[in-house]
Amino acid sequence: MQPFPANYRSEIPAFLRSYLNNPVGLREAMMAEPVQREVAGRMRFVSCLRFTPQGGRPQDIAIVHVNGRLDRVAGHAQELCAAAVYAPFPELEK
C-alpha cells in the first residue's frame, strides 16, 4: 500500500512552476484531495487539478504520487479524475 502524500499541497505548486510553460496568471484553480487509482497496473495516489492559464482554456491534469512523493503528470487526466470532487486551490494562483 502506498503512503498518503502528506506534503502534496506545497509540492504541487512548486512542481507546476517548472512544469508549465507560463505559470503566471493561473486562475480558477481547483484541486481534489489525493485518492488511490490504478495507474499503469499499480495503485497510486492521484491528485486532480483544474485551472485556466492566462489567455487559455481550462485544463485538467492528474498528478501521480509514488511512495508519498510527487512523481509525474499522468497522460489521461479525464479518466483518472472522472469522479473527482474539486475544491478551490488558491495556492496555485499565487
Protein backbone atom coordinates (compact mmCIF):
# COMPACT_ATOMS: atom_id res chain seq x y z
CA MET A 1 0.00 0.00 0.00
CA GLN A 2 1.23 3.47 -0.90
CA PRO A 3 1.66 6.09 1.85
CA PHE A 4 -0.54 9.19 1.65
CA PRO A 5 1.32 12.17 0.08
CA ALA A 6 1.39 14.37 3.18
CA ASN A 7 3.11 17.38 1.51
CA TYR A 8 1.08 17.47 -1.69
CA ARG A 9 -0.34 20.98 -1.06
CA SER A 10 3.17 22.51 -1.11
CA GLU A 11 4.80 20.12 -3.62
CA ILE A 12 2.23 20.64 -6.39
CA PRO A 13 2.55 24.45 -6.80
CA ALA A 14 6.36 24.18 -6.71
CA PHE A 15 6.31 21.43 -9.34
CA LEU A 16 3.89 23.27 -11.64
CA ARG A 17 6.08 26.38 -11.66
CA SER A 18 8.65 24.34 -13.59
CA TYR A 19 6.20 22.06 -15.47
CA LEU A 20 4.04 24.78 -17.06
CA ASN A 21 5.42 26.97 -19.85
CA ASN A 22 3.87 30.08 -18.27
CA PRO A 23 2.68 29.56 -14.68
CA VAL A 24 1.87 33.28 -14.27
CA GLY A 25 -1.78 34.34 -14.21
CA LEU A 26 -3.40 30.98 -13.46
CA ARG A 27 -6.99 31.41 -12.34
CA GLU A 28 -9.97 29.32 -11.26
CA ALA A 29 -7.53 26.83 -9.69
CA MET A 30 -9.17 23.83 -8.07
CA MET A 31 -7.86 20.55 -6.72
CA ALA A 32 -9.30 17.28 -5.49
CA GLU A 33 -7.80 15.52 -2.48
CA PRO A 34 -5.44 12.69 -3.47
CA VAL A 35 -7.24 9.38 -3.94
CA GLN A 36 -5.97 5.95 -4.86
CA ARG A 37 -6.37 4.99 -8.51
CA GLU A 38 -4.86 2.32 -10.70
CA VAL A 39 -2.07 3.81 -12.82
CA ALA A 40 -0.18 1.52 -15.20
CA GLY A 41 -1.41 -1.53 -13.29
CA ARG A 42 -0.40 -0.28 -9.83
CA MET A 43 -2.31 1.53 -7.10
CA ARG A 44 -1.07 5.10 -6.69
CA PHE A 45 -2.36 8.25 -5.07
CA VAL A 46 -3.53 10.75 -7.70
CA SER A 47 -4.19 14.47 -7.24
CA CYS A 48 -6.51 16.05 -9.79
CA LEU A 49 -6.18 19.72 -10.70
CA ARG A 50 -8.23 22.06 -12.82
CA PHE A 51 -7.11 25.58 -13.74
CA THR A 52 -7.26 28.15 -16.51
CA PRO A 53 -3.95 29.54 -17.77
CA GLN A 54 -3.73 33.21 -18.68
CA GLY A 55 -5.40 33.66 -22.06
CA GLY A 56 -6.09 29.95 -22.39
CA ARG A 57 -8.71 27.26 -21.99
CA PRO A 58 -9.39 25.33 -18.77
CA GLN A 59 -7.03 22.41 -18.22
CA ASP A 60 -7.30 19.23 -16.17
CA ILE A 61 -4.21 17.38 -15.05
CA ALA A 62 -3.63 14.35 -12.86
CA ILE A 63 -0.51 14.17 -10.73
CA VAL A 64 0.71 10.74 -9.63
CA HIS A 65 2.36 10.25 -6.24
CA VAL A 66 4.73 7.34 -5.55
CA ASN A 67 5.91 6.47 -2.04
CA GLY A 68 4.25 9.63 -0.68
CA ARG A 69 6.05 11.98 -3.08
CA LEU A 70 5.04 13.73 -6.28
CA ASP A 71 6.24 11.61 -9.19
CA ARG A 72 4.79 12.75 -12.51
CA VAL A 73 1.85 14.08 -14.51
CA ALA A 74 -0.33 11.28 -15.88
CA GLY A 75 -1.33 11.42 -19.52
CA HIS A 76 -5.01 10.50 -19.09
CA ALA A 77 -6.44 13.01 -16.60
CA GLN A 78 -10.05 12.70 -17.84
CA GLU A 79 -10.13 9.00 -16.96
CA LEU A 80 -8.27 9.30 -13.64
CA CYS A 81 -10.24 12.36 -12.49
CA ALA A 82 -13.72 11.41 -13.73
CA ALA A 83 -15.26 11.30 -10.23
CA ALA A 84 -13.05 13.95 -8.60
CA VAL A 85 -14.59 16.37 -6.11
CA TYR A 86 -12.83 19.69 -6.57
CA ALA A 87 -12.31 22.49 -4.04
CA PRO A 88 -10.65 25.90 -4.53
CA PHE A 89 -6.85 25.75 -4.51
CA PRO A 90 -5.70 29.39 -4.21
CA GLU A 91 -2.07 28.34 -3.56
CA LEU A 92 -1.77 27.58 -7.28
CA GLU A 93 -2.81 31.09 -8.30
CA LYS A 94 -0.02 32.81 -6.35
